[in-house]
């Protein structure tokens, strides 16, 4: 017979994840840090990735622990560039071989009709 308390906790966690639009989550413990890889969904049901670094620290003034967090939001259209750059720099760390600059350039199939606009250079005078 299933434990009703455990089932209730699992349902609560599942509902909390749905409220946060979490689809999948994985944690990687690395020394004093934990990295969270969370796949989330937008309102239009497009998936994106958040990578969170969490580090436990001690506040000497209050005498309590807290978690310092840093997040990266990564969207589908950037996966290839991010993966290429990450692979290149990891390979450099492991082998000392400098990655080709082309690893960091957008692929030719990336032009989806969007235009990059530098808002600092817009003339806003009327």
PDB file of N, CA and C in Angstrom:
ATOM      1  N   UNK A   1       0.843  -1.187   0.000  1.00  0.00           N
ATOM      2  CA  UNK A   1       0.000   0.000   0.000  1.00  0.00           C
ATOM      3  C   UNK A   1       0.881   1.240   0.000  1.00  0.00           C
ATOM      4  N   UNK A   2       0.656   2.175  -0.928  1.00  0.00           N
ATOM      5  CA  UNK A   2       1.473   3.384  -1.013  1.00  0.00           C
ATOM      6  C   UNK A   2       1.327   4.270   0.212  1.00  0.00           C
ATOM      7  N   UNK A   3       2.410   4.929   0.577  1.00  0.00           N
ATOM      8  CA  UNK A   3       2.426   5.856   1.703  1.00  0.00           C
ATOM      9  C   UNK A   3       1.696   7.138   1.295  1.00  0.00           C
ATOM     10  N   UNK A   4       0.561   7.432   1.970  1.00  0.00           N
ATOM     11  CA  UNK A   4      -0.261   8.597   1.603  1.00  0.00           C
ATOM     12  C   UNK A   4       0.483   9.904   1.838  1.00  0.00           C
ATOM     13  N   UNK A   5       1.304   9.978   2.870  1.00  0.00           N
ATOM     14  CA  UNK A   5       2.071  11.184   3.147  1.00  0.00           C
ATOM     15  C   UNK A   5       3.069  11.470   2.038  1.00  0.00           C
ATOM     16  N   UNK A   6       3.753  10.406   1.577  1.00  0.00           N
ATOM     17  CA  UNK A   6       4.728  10.548   0.508  1.00  0.00           C
ATOM     18  C   UNK A   6       4.045  10.948  -0.805  1.00  0.00           C
ATOM     19  N   UNK A   7       2.885  10.349  -1.093  1.00  0.00           N
ATOM     20  CA  UNK A   7       2.138  10.684  -2.315  1.00  0.00           C
ATOM     21  C   UNK A   7       1.679  12.134  -2.280  1.00  0.00           C
ATOM     22  N   UNK A   8       1.247  12.602  -1.106  1.00  0.00           N
ATOM     23  CA  UNK A   8       0.789  13.977  -0.960  1.00  0.00           C
ATOM     24  C   UNK A   8       1.944  14.950  -1.205  1.00  0.00           C
ATOM     25  N   UNK A   9       3.143  14.616  -0.677  1.00  0.00           N
ATOM     26  CA  UNK A   9       4.325  15.435  -0.876  1.00  0.00           C
ATOM     27  C   UNK A   9       4.696  15.477  -2.360  1.00  0.00           C
ATOM     28  N   UNK A  10       4.668  14.321  -3.030  1.00  0.00           N
ATOM     29  CA  UNK A  10       4.995  14.266  -4.457  1.00  0.00           C
ATOM     30  C   UNK A  10       4.004  15.094  -5.272  1.00  0.00           C
ATOM     31  N   UNK A  11       2.723  15.020  -4.930  1.00  0.00           N
ATOM     32  CA  UNK A  11       1.714  15.816  -5.639  1.00  0.00           C
ATOM     33  C   UNK A  11       1.929  17.314  -5.417  1.00  0.00           C
ATOM     34  N   UNK A  12       2.316  17.687  -4.190  1.00  0.00           N
ATOM     35  CA  UNK A  12       2.581  19.086  -3.882  1.00  0.00           C
ATOM     36  C   UNK A  12       3.768  19.585  -4.691  1.00  0.00           C
ATOM     37  N   UNK A  13       4.845  18.792  -4.746  1.00  0.00           N
ATOM     38  CA  UNK A  13       6.025  19.159  -5.520  1.00  0.00           C
ATOM     39  C   UNK A  13       5.670  19.265  -6.996  1.00  0.00           C
ATOM     40  N   UNK A  14       4.877  18.326  -7.494  1.00  0.00           N
ATOM     41  CA  UNK A  14       4.471  18.338  -8.895  1.00  0.00           C
ATOM     42  C   UNK A  14       3.668  19.603  -9.217  1.00  0.00           C
ATOM     43  N   UNK A  15       2.752  19.989  -8.322  1.00  0.00           N
ATOM     44  CA  UNK A  15       1.941  21.187  -8.544  1.00  0.00           C
ATOM     45  C   UNK A  15       2.812  22.449  -8.500  1.00  0.00           C
ATOM     46  N   UNK A  16       3.787  22.491  -7.568  1.00  0.00           N
ATOM     47  CA  UNK A  16       4.685  23.644  -7.489  1.00  0.00           C
ATOM     48  C   UNK A  16       5.491  23.770  -8.781  1.00  0.00           C
ATOM     49  N   UNK A  17       5.974  22.640  -9.307  1.00  0.00           N
ATOM     50  CA  UNK A  17       6.742  22.656 -10.551  1.00  0.00           C
ATOM     51  C   UNK A  17       5.889  23.122 -11.718  1.00  0.00           C
ATOM     52  N   UNK A  18       4.629  22.702 -11.758  1.00  0.00           N
ATOM     53  CA  UNK A  18       3.745  23.127 -12.833  1.00  0.00           C
ATOM     54  C   UNK A  18       3.489  24.621 -12.754  1.00  0.00           C
ATOM     55  N   UNK A  19       3.360  25.151 -11.535  1.00  0.00           N
ATOM     56  CA  UNK A  19       3.148  26.584 -11.364  1.00  0.00           C
ATOM     57  C   UNK A  19       4.359  27.376 -11.844  1.00  0.00           C
ATOM     58  N   UNK A  20       5.554  26.819 -11.700  1.00  0.00           N
ATOM     59  CA  UNK A  20       6.776  27.468 -12.148  1.00  0.00           C
ATOM     60  C   UNK A  20       7.076  27.146 -13.610  1.00  0.00           C
ATOM     61  N   UNK A  21       6.206  26.402 -14.266  1.00  0.00           N
ATOM     62  CA  UNK A  21       6.386  25.979 -15.643  1.00  0.00           C
ATOM     63  C   UNK A  21       7.606  25.088 -15.829  1.00  0.00           C
ATOM     64  N   UNK A  22       8.016  24.357 -14.793  1.00  0.00           N
ATOM     65  CA  UNK A  22       9.151  23.449 -14.889  1.00  0.00           C
ATOM     66  C   UNK A  22       8.723  22.163 -15.569  1.00  0.00           C
ATOM     67  N   UNK A  23       9.516  21.749 -16.541  1.00  0.00           N
ATOM     68  CA  UNK A  23       9.240  20.531 -17.289  1.00  0.00           C
ATOM     69  C   UNK A  23      10.163  19.410 -16.821  1.00  0.00           C
ATOM     70  N   UNK A  24      11.436  19.760 -16.593  1.00  0.00           N
ATOM     71  CA  UNK A  24      12.443  18.784 -16.195  1.00  0.00           C
ATOM     72  C   UNK A  24      13.508  19.501 -15.389  1.00  0.00           C
ATOM     73  N   UNK A  25      14.038  18.846 -14.376  1.00  0.00           N
ATOM     74  CA  UNK A  25      15.067  19.467 -13.556  1.00  0.00           C
ATOM     75  C   UNK A  25      16.118  18.433 -13.159  1.00  0.00           C
ATOM     76  N   UNK A  26      17.379  18.848 -13.228  1.00  0.00           N
ATOM     77  CA  UNK A  26      18.486  17.998 -12.795  1.00  0.00           C
ATOM     78  C   UNK A  26      19.432  18.845 -11.963  1.00  0.00           C
ATOM     79  N   UNK A  27      20.018  18.236 -10.928  1.00  0.00           N
ATOM     80  CA  UNK A  27      20.973  18.929 -10.065  1.00  0.00           C
ATOM     81  C   UNK A  27      22.314  18.215 -10.133  1.00  0.00           C
ATOM     82  N   UNK A  28      23.381  19.012 -10.134  1.00  0.00           N
ATOM     83  CA  UNK A  28      24.736  18.479 -10.127  1.00  0.00           C
ATOM     84  C   UNK A  28      25.456  19.096  -8.938  1.00  0.00           C
ATOM     85  N   UNK A  29      25.845  18.257  -7.967  1.00  0.00           N
ATOM     86  CA  UNK A  29      26.577  18.746  -6.802  1.00  0.00           C
ATOM     87  C   UNK A  29      28.060  18.720  -7.138  1.00  0.00           C
ATOM     88  N   UNK A  30      28.717  19.858  -6.906  1.00  0.00           N
ATOM     89  CA  UNK A  30      30.135  19.992  -7.228  1.00  0.00           C
ATOM     90  C   UNK A  30      30.812  20.760  -6.095  1.00  0.00           C
ATOM     91  N   UNK A  31      31.265  20.035  -5.100  1.00  0.00           N
ATOM     92  CA  UNK A  31      31.904  20.678  -3.955  1.00  0.00           C
ATOM     93  C   UNK A  31      30.913  21.517  -3.174  1.00  0.00           C
ATOM     94  N   UNK A  32      31.235  22.799  -2.989  1.00  0.00           N
ATOM     95  CA  UNK A  32      30.367  23.705  -2.228  1.00  0.00           C
ATOM     96  C   UNK A  32      29.252  24.286  -3.087  1.00  0.00           C
ATOM     97  N   UNK A  33      29.270  23.964  -4.366  1.00  0.00           N
ATOM     98  CA  UNK A  33      28.271  24.502  -5.292  1.00  0.00           C
ATOM     99  C   UNK A  33      27.325  23.403  -5.754  1.00  0.00           C
ATOM    100  N   UNK A  34      26.129  23.837  -6.126  1.00  0.00           N
ATOM    101  CA  UNK A  34      25.181  22.950  -6.797  1.00  0.00           C
ATOM    102  C   UNK A  34      24.724  23.670  -8.050  1.00  0.00           C
ATOM    103  N   UNK A  35      24.703  22.941  -9.151  1.00  0.00           N
ATOM    104  CA  UNK A  35      24.229  23.494 -10.414  1.00  0.00           C
ATOM    105  C   UNK A  35      22.893  22.857 -10.735  1.00  0.00           C
ATOM    106  N   UNK A  36      21.919  23.677 -11.083  1.00  0.00           N
ATOM    107  CA  UNK A  36      20.597  23.193 -11.449  1.00  0.00           C
ATOM    108  C   UNK A  36      20.370  23.462 -12.928  1.00  0.00           C
ATOM    109  N   UNK A  37      19.937  22.439 -13.634  1.00  0.00           N
ATOM    110  CA  UNK A  37      19.576  22.553 -15.043  1.00  0.00           C
ATOM    111  C   UNK A  37      18.065  22.345 -15.107  1.00  0.00           C
ATOM    112  N   UNK A  38      17.335  23.415 -15.359  1.00  0.00           N
ATOM    113  CA  UNK A  38      15.875  23.361 -15.356  1.00  0.00           C
ATOM    114  C   UNK A  38      15.326  23.689 -16.737  1.00  0.00           C
ATOM    115  N   UNK A  39      14.549  22.757 -17.282  1.00  0.00           N
ATOM    116  CA  UNK A  39      13.847  23.020 -18.535  1.00  0.00           C
ATOM    117  C   UNK A  39      12.490  23.573 -18.145  1.00  0.00           C
ATOM    118  N   UNK A  40      12.177  24.742 -18.692  1.00  0.00           N
ATOM    119  CA  UNK A  40      10.911  25.403 -18.379  1.00  0.00           C
ATOM    120  C   UNK A  40      10.163  25.698 -19.665  1.00  0.00           C
ATOM    121  N   UNK A  41       8.903  26.033 -19.507  1.00  0.00           N
ATOM    122  CA  UNK A  41       8.052  26.315 -20.653  1.00  0.00           C
ATOM    123  C   UNK A  41       7.486  27.719 -20.546  1.00  0.00           C
ATOM    124  N   UNK A  42       7.478  28.433 -21.680  1.00  0.00           N
ATOM    125  CA  UNK A  42       6.862  29.758 -21.706  1.00  0.00           C
ATOM    126  C   UNK A  42       5.348  29.598 -21.790  1.00  0.00           C
ATOM    127  N   UNK A  43       4.637  30.693 -21.731  1.00  0.00           N
ATOM    128  CA  UNK A  43       3.177  30.638 -21.867  1.00  0.00           C
ATOM    129  C   UNK A  43       2.766  30.079 -23.219  1.00  0.00           C
ATOM    130  N   UNK A  44       3.606  30.322 -24.226  1.00  0.00           N
ATOM    131  CA  UNK A  44       3.312  29.799 -25.570  1.00  0.00           C
ATOM    132  C   UNK A  44       3.902  28.392 -25.755  1.00  0.00           C
ATOM    133  N   UNK A  45       4.293  27.764 -24.645  1.00  0.00           N
ATOM    134  CA  UNK A  45       4.770  26.386 -24.589  1.00  0.00           C
ATOM    135  C   UNK A  45       6.077  26.147 -25.331  1.00  0.00           C
ATOM    136  N   UNK A  46       6.910  27.188 -25.448  1.00  0.00           N
ATOM    137  CA  UNK A  46       8.249  27.010 -25.987  1.00  0.00           C
ATOM    138  C   UNK A  46       9.183  26.710 -24.824  1.00  0.00           C
ATOM    139  N   UNK A  47      10.074  25.744 -25.028  1.00  0.00           N
ATOM    140  CA  UNK A  47      10.975  25.322 -23.963  1.00  0.00           C
ATOM    141  C   UNK A  47      12.242  26.172 -23.947  1.00  0.00           C
ATOM    142  N   UNK A  48      12.753  26.399 -22.747  1.00  0.00           N
ATOM    143  CA  UNK A  48      14.026  27.076 -22.576  1.00  0.00           C
ATOM    144  C   UNK A  48      14.724  26.483 -21.364  1.00  0.00           C
ATOM    145  N   UNK A  49      15.999  26.811 -21.210  1.00  0.00           N
ATOM    146  CA  UNK A  49      16.814  26.235 -20.153  1.00  0.00           C
ATOM    147  C   UNK A  49      17.272  27.324 -19.197  1.00  0.00           C
ATOM    148  N   UNK A  50      17.185  27.049 -17.905  1.00  0.00           N
ATOM    149  CA  UNK A  50      17.840  27.917 -16.932  1.00  0.00           C
ATOM    150  C   UNK A  50      18.930  27.094 -16.265  1.00  0.00           C
ATOM    151  N   UNK A  51      20.095  27.696 -16.147  1.00  0.00           N
ATOM    152  CA  UNK A  51      21.208  27.070 -15.439  1.00  0.00           C
ATOM    153  C   UNK A  51      21.464  27.945 -14.223  1.00  0.00           C
ATOM    154  N   UNK A  52      21.377  27.345 -13.049  1.00  0.00           N
ATOM    155  CA  UNK A  52      21.539  28.101 -11.807  1.00  0.00           C
ATOM    156  C   UNK A  52      22.716  27.540 -11.031  1.00  0.00           C
ATOM    157  N   UNK A  53      23.621  28.435 -10.637  1.00  0.00           N
ATOM    158  CA  UNK A  53      24.695  28.059  -9.728  1.00  0.00           C
ATOM    159  C   UNK A  53      24.255  28.514  -8.344  1.00  0.00           C
ATOM    160  N   UNK A  54      24.270  27.614  -7.392  1.00  0.00           N
ATOM    161  CA  UNK A  54      23.860  27.932  -6.026  1.00  0.00           C
ATOM    162  C   UNK A  54      25.007  27.585  -5.081  1.00  0.00           C
ATOM    163  N   UNK A  55      25.369  28.541  -4.247  1.00  0.00           N
ATOM    164  CA  UNK A  55      26.469  28.329  -3.312  1.00  0.00           C
ATOM    165  C   UNK A  55      26.030  28.751  -1.919  1.00  0.00           C
ATOM    166  N   UNK A  56      26.195  27.864  -0.958  1.00  0.00           N
ATOM    167  CA  UNK A  56      25.821  28.151   0.419  1.00  0.00           C
ATOM    168  C   UNK A  56      26.888  29.025   1.059  1.00  0.00           C
ATOM    169  N   UNK A  57      26.441  30.136   1.661  1.00  0.00           N
ATOM    170  CA  UNK A  57      27.359  31.067   2.320  1.00  0.00           C
ATOM    171  C   UNK A  57      26.846  31.377   3.717  1.00  0.00           C
ATOM    172  N   UNK A  58      27.750  31.918   4.522  1.00  0.00           N
ATOM    173  CA  UNK A  58      27.410  32.268   5.902  1.00  0.00           C
ATOM    174  C   UNK A  58      27.415  33.778   6.072  1.00  0.00           C
ATOM    175  N   UNK A  59      26.333  34.301   6.636  1.00  0.00           N
ATOM    176  CA  UNK A  59      26.232  35.733   6.924  1.00  0.00           C
ATOM    177  C   UNK A  59      26.690  35.937   8.366  1.00  0.00           C
ATOM    178  N   UNK A  60      27.852  36.561   8.528  1.00  0.00           N
ATOM    179  CA  UNK A  60      28.418  36.736   9.869  1.00  0.00           C
ATOM    180  C   UNK A  60      27.615  37.708  10.725  1.00  0.00           C
ATOM    181  N   UNK A  61      26.942  38.662  10.097  1.00  0.00           N
ATOM    182  CA  UNK A  61      26.148  39.637  10.853  1.00  0.00           C
ATOM    183  C   UNK A  61      24.939  38.991  11.514  1.00  0.00           C
ATOM    184  N   UNK A  62      24.236  38.108  10.754  1.00  0.00           N
ATOM    185  CA  UNK A  62      23.024  37.495  11.296  1.00  0.00           C
ATOM    186  C   UNK A  62      23.280  36.105  11.880  1.00  0.00           C
ATOM    187  N   UNK A  63      24.448  35.545  11.557  1.00  0.00           N
ATOM    188  CA  UNK A  63      24.768  34.203  12.049  1.00  0.00           C
ATOM    189  C   UNK A  63      23.970  33.106  11.357  1.00  0.00           C
ATOM    190  N   UNK A  64      23.517  33.394  10.141  1.00  0.00           N
ATOM    191  CA  UNK A  64      22.716  32.409   9.411  1.00  0.00           C
ATOM    192  C   UNK A  64      23.337  32.108   8.040  1.00  0.00           C
ATOM    193  N   UNK A  65      22.947  30.971   7.504  1.00  0.00           N
ATOM    194  CA  UNK A  65      23.378  30.590   6.166  1.00  0.00           C
ATOM    195  C   UNK A  65      22.371  31.106   5.143  1.00  0.00           C
ATOM    196  N   UNK A  66      22.856  31.372   3.945  1.00  0.00           N
ATOM    197  CA  UNK A  66      21.987  31.757   2.837  1.00  0.00           C
ATOM    198  C   UNK A  66      22.586  31.190   1.562  1.00  0.00           C
ATOM    199  N   UNK A  67      21.815  31.214   0.505  1.00  0.00           N
ATOM    200  CA  UNK A  67      22.291  30.702  -0.774  1.00  0.00           C
ATOM    201  C   UNK A  67      22.460  31.850  -1.763  1.00  0.00           C
ATOM    202  N   UNK A  68      23.664  31.977  -2.290  1.00  0.00           N
ATOM    203  CA  UNK A  68      23.945  32.944  -3.338  1.00  0.00           C
ATOM    204  C   UNK A  68      23.682  32.227  -4.663  1.00  0.00           C
ATOM    205  N   UNK A  69      22.862  32.842  -5.523  1.00  0.00           N
ATOM    206  CA  UNK A  69      22.484  32.184  -6.774  1.00  0.00           C
ATOM    207  C   UNK A  69      22.790  33.073  -7.966  1.00  0.00           C
ATOM    208  N   UNK A  70      23.215  32.417  -9.027  1.00  0.00           N
ATOM    209  CA  UNK A  70      23.456  33.082 -10.302  1.00  0.00           C
ATOM    210  C   UNK A  70      22.754  32.274 -11.377  1.00  0.00           C
ATOM    211  N   UNK A  71      22.008  32.953 -12.259  1.00  0.00           N
ATOM    212  CA  UNK A  71      21.215  32.253 -13.276  1.00  0.00           C
ATOM    213  C   UNK A  71      21.594  32.684 -14.675  1.00  0.00           C
ATOM    214  N   UNK A  72      21.472  31.729 -15.584  1.00  0.00           N
ATOM    215  CA  UNK A  72      21.599  31.969 -17.019  1.00  0.00           C
ATOM    216  C   UNK A  72      20.319  31.435 -17.655  1.00  0.00           C
ATOM    217  N   UNK A  73      19.711  32.236 -18.509  1.00  0.00           N
ATOM    218  CA  UNK A  73      18.538  31.797 -19.263  1.00  0.00           C
ATOM    219  C   UNK A  73      19.011  31.544 -20.683  1.00  0.00           C
ATOM    220  N   UNK A  74      18.733  30.361 -21.192  1.00  0.00           N
ATOM    221  CA  UNK A  74      19.200  29.989 -22.521  1.00  0.00           C
ATOM    222  C   UNK A  74      18.009  29.535 -23.352  1.00  0.00           C
ATOM    223  N   UNK A  75      17.831  30.219 -24.479  1.00  0.00           N
ATOM    224  CA  UNK A  75      16.680  29.940 -25.339  1.00  0.00           C
ATOM    225  C   UNK A  75      17.100  29.100 -26.539  1.00  0.00           C
ATOM    226  N   UNK A  76      16.115  28.380 -27.085  1.00  0.00           N
ATOM    227  CA  UNK A  76      16.357  27.424 -28.164  1.00  0.00           C
ATOM    228  C   UNK A  76      17.225  27.962 -29.285  1.00  0.00           C
ATOM    229  N   UNK A  77      16.957  29.200 -29.701  1.00  0.00           N
ATOM    230  CA  UNK A  77      17.691  29.758 -30.840  1.00  0.00           C
ATOM    231  C   UNK A  77      19.170  29.968 -30.532  1.00  0.00           C
ATOM    232  N   UNK A  78      19.559  29.904 -29.257  1.00  0.00           N
ATOM    233  CA  UNK A  78      20.957  30.093 -28.875  1.00  0.00           C
ATOM    234  C   UNK A  78      21.677  28.798 -28.509  1.00  0.00           C
ATOM    235  N   UNK A  79      20.966  27.666 -28.493  1.00  0.00           N
ATOM    236  CA  UNK A  79      21.561  26.397 -28.062  1.00  0.00           C
ATOM    237  C   UNK A  79      22.826  26.053 -28.838  1.00  0.00           C
ATOM    238  N   UNK A  80      22.774  26.127 -30.158  1.00  0.00           N
ATOM    239  CA  UNK A  80      23.912  25.710 -30.980  1.00  0.00           C
ATOM    240  C   UNK A  80      25.146  26.565 -30.691  1.00  0.00           C
ATOM    241  N   UNK A  81      24.973  27.892 -30.649  1.00  0.00           N
ATOM    242  CA  UNK A  81      26.096  28.791 -30.372  1.00  0.00           C
ATOM    243  C   UNK A  81      26.665  28.524 -28.972  1.00  0.00           C
ATOM    244  N   UNK A  82      25.779  28.382 -27.998  1.00  0.00           N
ATOM    245  CA  UNK A  82      26.203  28.148 -26.622  1.00  0.00           C
ATOM    246  C   UNK A  82      26.961  26.825 -26.518  1.00  0.00           C
ATOM    247  N   UNK A  83      26.404  25.780 -27.116  1.00  0.00           N
ATOM    248  CA  UNK A  83      27.031  24.463 -27.062  1.00  0.00           C
ATOM    249  C   UNK A  83      28.397  24.472 -27.751  1.00  0.00           C
ATOM    250  N   UNK A  84      28.497  25.134 -28.906  1.00  0.00           N
ATOM    251  CA  UNK A  84      29.774  25.224 -29.611  1.00  0.00           C
ATOM    252  C   UNK A  84      30.814  25.961 -28.777  1.00  0.00           C
ATOM    253  N   UNK A  85      30.427  27.096 -28.219  1.00  0.00           N
ATOM    254  CA  UNK A  85      31.359  27.882 -27.417  1.00  0.00           C
ATOM    255  C   UNK A  85      31.785  27.110 -26.167  1.00  0.00           C
ATOM    256  N   UNK A  86      30.844  26.491 -25.485  1.00  0.00           N
ATOM    257  CA  UNK A  86      31.151  25.723 -24.282  1.00  0.00           C
ATOM    258  C   UNK A  86      32.086  24.563 -24.602  1.00  0.00           C
ATOM    259  N   UNK A  87      31.790  23.828 -25.664  1.00  0.00           N
ATOM    260  CA  UNK A  87      32.655  22.712 -26.068  1.00  0.00           C
ATOM    261  C   UNK A  87      34.052  23.209 -26.398  1.00  0.00           C
ATOM    262  N   UNK A  88      34.116  24.357 -27.102  1.00  0.00           N
ATOM    263  CA  UNK A  88      35.414  24.905 -27.479  1.00  0.00           C
ATOM    264  C   UNK A  88      36.271  25.298 -26.295  1.00  0.00           C
ATOM    265  N   UNK A  89      35.680  25.976 -25.328  1.00  0.00           N
ATOM    266  CA  UNK A  89      36.480  26.416 -24.176  1.00  0.00           C
ATOM    267  C   UNK A  89      36.815  25.253 -23.241  1.00  0.00           C
ATOM    268  N   UNK A  90      35.935  24.283 -23.120  1.00  0.00           N
ATOM    269  CA  UNK A  90      36.253  23.095 -22.316  1.00  0.00           C
ATOM    270  C   UNK A  90      37.386  22.322 -22.974  1.00  0.00           C
ATOM    271  N   UNK A  91      37.322  22.185 -24.294  1.00  0.00           N
ATOM    272  CA  UNK A  91      38.392  21.502 -25.027  1.00  0.00           C
ATOM    273  C   UNK A  91      39.716  22.241 -24.833  1.00  0.00           C
ATOM    274  N   UNK A  92      39.680  23.578 -24.850  1.00  0.00           N
ATOM    275  CA  UNK A  92      40.888  24.369 -24.622  1.00  0.00           C
ATOM    276  C   UNK A  92      41.457  24.096 -23.230  1.00  0.00           C
ATOM    277  N   UNK A  93      40.608  24.055 -22.224  1.00  0.00           N
ATOM    278  CA  UNK A  93      41.070  23.806 -20.852  1.00  0.00           C
ATOM    279  C   UNK A  93      41.705  22.425 -20.755  1.00  0.00           C
ATOM    280  N   UNK A  94      41.113  21.436 -21.421  1.00  0.00           N
ATOM    281  CA  UNK A  94      41.603  20.065 -21.330  1.00  0.00           C
ATOM    282  C   UNK A  94      42.834  19.798 -22.194  1.00  0.00           C
ATOM    283  N   UNK A  95      42.933  20.465 -23.345  1.00  0.00           N
ATOM    284  CA  UNK A  95      44.003  20.139 -24.294  1.00  0.00           C
ATOM    285  C   UNK A  95      44.979  21.272 -24.547  1.00  0.00           C
ATOM    286  N   UNK A  96      44.575  22.518 -24.256  1.00  0.00           N
ATOM    287  CA  UNK A  96      45.417  23.661 -24.562  1.00  0.00           C
ATOM    288  C   UNK A  96      45.280  24.126 -26.004  1.00  0.00           C
ATOM    289  N   UNK A  97      44.466  23.426 -26.793  1.00  0.00           N
ATOM    290  CA  UNK A  97      44.262  23.790 -28.196  1.00  0.00           C
ATOM    291  C   UNK A  97      43.224  24.910 -28.280  1.00  0.00           C
ATOM    292  N   UNK A  98      43.620  26.023 -28.901  1.00  0.00           N
ATOM    293  CA  UNK A  98      42.721  27.172 -29.037  1.00  0.00           C
ATOM    294  C   UNK A  98      41.626  26.822 -30.038  1.00  0.00           C
ATOM    295  N   UNK A  99      40.352  27.019 -29.659  1.00  0.00           N
ATOM    296  CA  UNK A  99      39.256  26.679 -30.582  1.00  0.00           C
ATOM    297  C   UNK A  99      39.214  27.618 -31.774  1.00  0.00           C
ATOM    298  N   UNK A 100      38.694  27.108 -32.882  1.00  0.00           N
ATOM    299  CA  UNK A 100      38.536  27.944 -34.069  1.00  0.00           C
ATOM    300  C   UNK A 100      37.486  29.014 -33.800  1.00  0.00           C
ATOM    301  N   UNK A 101      37.722  30.198 -34.323  1.00  0.00           N
ATOM    302  CA  UNK A 101      36.778  31.296 -34.141  1.00  0.00           C
ATOM    303  C   UNK A 101      35.412  30.982 -34.746  1.00  0.00           C
ATOM    304  N   UNK A 102      35.389  30.121 -35.755  1.00  0.00           N
ATOM    305  CA  UNK A 102      34.114  29.795 -36.396  1.00  0.00           C
ATOM    306  C   UNK A 102      33.164  29.100 -35.436  1.00  0.00           C
ATOM    307  N   UNK A 103      33.690  28.530 -34.355  1.00  0.00           N
ATOM    308  CA  UNK A 103      32.822  27.882 -33.362  1.00  0.00           C
ATOM    309  C   UNK A 103      31.912  28.894 -32.689  1.00  0.00           C
ATOM    310  N   UNK A 104      32.326  30.169 -32.693  1.00  0.00           N
ATOM    311  CA  UNK A 104      31.591  31.192 -31.970  1.00  0.00           C
ATOM    312  C   UNK A 104      30.728  32.046 -32.888  1.00  0.00           C
ATOM    313  N   UNK A 105      30.770  31.762 -34.171  1.00  0.00           N
ATOM    314  CA  UNK A 105      29.982  32.513 -35.141  1.00  0.00           C
ATOM    315  C   UNK A 105      28.648  31.825 -35.365  1.00  0.00           C
ATOM    316  N   UNK A 106      27.617  32.594 -35.640  1.00  0.00           N
ATOM    317  CA  UNK A 106      26.310  31.990 -35.924  1.00  0.00           C
ATOM    318  C   UNK A 106      26.373  31.197 -37.223  1.00  0.00           C
ATOM    319  N   UNK A 107      25.620  30.100 -37.271  1.00  0.00           N
ATOM    320  CA  UNK A 107      25.572  29.303 -38.486  1.00  0.00           C
ATOM    321  C   UNK A 107      24.765  30.032 -39.548  1.00  0.00           C
ATOM    322  N   UNK A 108      24.954  29.673 -40.799  1.00  0.00           N
ATOM    323  CA  UNK A 108      24.277  30.364 -41.898  1.00  0.00           C
ATOM    324  C   UNK A 108      22.775  30.134 -41.870  1.00  0.00           C
ATOM    325  N   UNK A 109      22.308  29.084 -41.240  1.00  0.00           N
ATOM    326  CA  UNK A 109      20.874  28.806 -41.209  1.00  0.00           C
ATOM    327  C   UNK A 109      20.162  29.567 -40.092  1.00  0.00           C
ATOM    328  N   UNK A 110      20.900  30.449 -39.396  1.00  0.00           N
ATOM    329  CA  UNK A 110      20.335  31.155 -38.263  1.00  0.00           C
ATOM    330  C   UNK A 110      19.500  32.367 -38.630  1.00  0.00           C
ATOM    331  N   UNK A 111      19.600  32.872 -39.828  1.00  0.00           N
ATOM    332  CA  UNK A 111      18.884  34.087 -40.193  1.00  0.00           C
ATOM    333  C   UNK A 111      17.393  33.794 -40.285  1.00  0.00           C
ATOM    334  N   UNK A 112      16.676  34.159 -39.251  1.00  0.00           N
ATOM    335  CA  UNK A 112      15.241  33.872 -39.187  1.00  0.00           C
ATOM    336  C   UNK A 112      14.410  35.134 -39.400  1.00  0.00           C
ATOM    337  N   UNK A 113      15.024  36.153 -39.973  1.00  0.00           N
ATOM    338  CA  UNK A 113      14.283  37.368 -40.250  1.00  0.00           C
ATOM    339  C   UNK A 113      14.373  38.410 -39.154  1.00  0.00           C
ATOM    340  N   UNK A 114      15.013  38.092 -38.045  1.00  0.00           N
ATOM    341  CA  UNK A 114      15.134  39.054 -36.963  1.00  0.00           C
ATOM    342  C   UNK A 114      16.278  40.025 -37.245  1.00  0.00           C
ATOM    343  N   UNK A 115      16.158  41.212 -36.715  1.00  0.00           N
ATOM    344  CA  UNK A 115      17.178  42.235 -36.890  1.00  0.00           C
ATOM    345  C   UNK A 115      17.648  42.668 -35.511  1.00  0.00           C
ATOM    346  N   UNK A 116      18.973  42.729 -35.322  1.00  0.00           N
ATOM    347  CA  UNK A 116      19.514  43.235 -34.067  1.00  0.00           C
ATOM    348  C   UNK A 116      19.488  44.754 -34.110  1.00  0.00           C
ATOM    349  N   UNK A 117      18.989  45.372 -33.055  1.00  0.00           N
ATOM    350  CA  UNK A 117      18.900  46.825 -32.988  1.00  0.00           C
ATOM    351  C   UNK A 117      19.690  47.292 -31.778  1.00  0.00           C
ATOM    352  N   UNK A 118      20.557  48.265 -31.985  1.00  0.00           N
ATOM    353  CA  UNK A 118      21.300  48.871 -30.893  1.00  0.00           C
ATOM    354  C   UNK A 118      20.523  50.101 -30.446  1.00  0.00           C
ATOM    355  N   UNK A 119      19.804  50.004 -29.354  1.00  0.00           N
ATOM    356  CA  UNK A 119      18.932  51.073 -28.892  1.00  0.00           C
ATOM    357  C   UNK A 119      19.711  52.311 -28.435  1.00  0.00           C
ATOM    358  N   UNK A 120      20.981  52.126 -28.093  1.00  0.00           N
ATOM    359  CA  UNK A 120      21.787  53.272 -27.685  1.00  0.00           C
ATOM    360  C   UNK A 120      22.050  54.218 -28.847  1.00  0.00           C
ATOM    361  N   UNK A 121      22.013  53.701 -30.070  1.00  0.00           N
ATOM    362  CA  UNK A 121      22.327  54.517 -31.242  1.00  0.00           C
ATOM    363  C   UNK A 121      21.089  55.020 -31.971  1.00  0.00           C
ATOM    364  N   UNK A 122      19.916  54.814 -31.430  1.00  0.00           N
ATOM    365  CA  UNK A 122      18.717  55.299 -32.078  1.00  0.00           C
ATOM    366  C   UNK A 122      18.557  56.796 -31.864  1.00  0.00           C
ATOM    367  N   UNK A 123      18.169  57.498 -32.916  1.00  0.00           N
ATOM    368  CA  UNK A 123      17.912  58.929 -32.811  1.00  0.00           C
ATOM    369  C   UNK A 123      16.477  59.117 -32.325  1.00  0.00           C
ATOM    370  N   UNK A 124      16.309  59.564 -31.089  1.00  0.00           N
ATOM    371  CA  UNK A 124      14.979  59.682 -30.495  1.00  0.00           C
ATOM    372  C   UNK A 124      14.474  61.122 -30.495  1.00  0.00           C
ATOM    373  N   UNK A 125      15.114  62.010 -31.288  1.00  0.00           N
ATOM    374  CA  UNK A 125      14.653  63.393 -31.339  1.00  0.00           C
ATOM    375  C   UNK A 125      13.443  63.510 -32.238  1.00  0.00           C
ATOM    376  N   UNK A 126      12.508  64.344 -31.892  1.00  0.00           N
ATOM    377  CA  UNK A 126      11.292  64.547 -32.684  1.00  0.00           C
ATOM    378  C   UNK A 126      11.284  65.893 -33.334  1.00  0.00           C
TER     379      UNK A 126
END
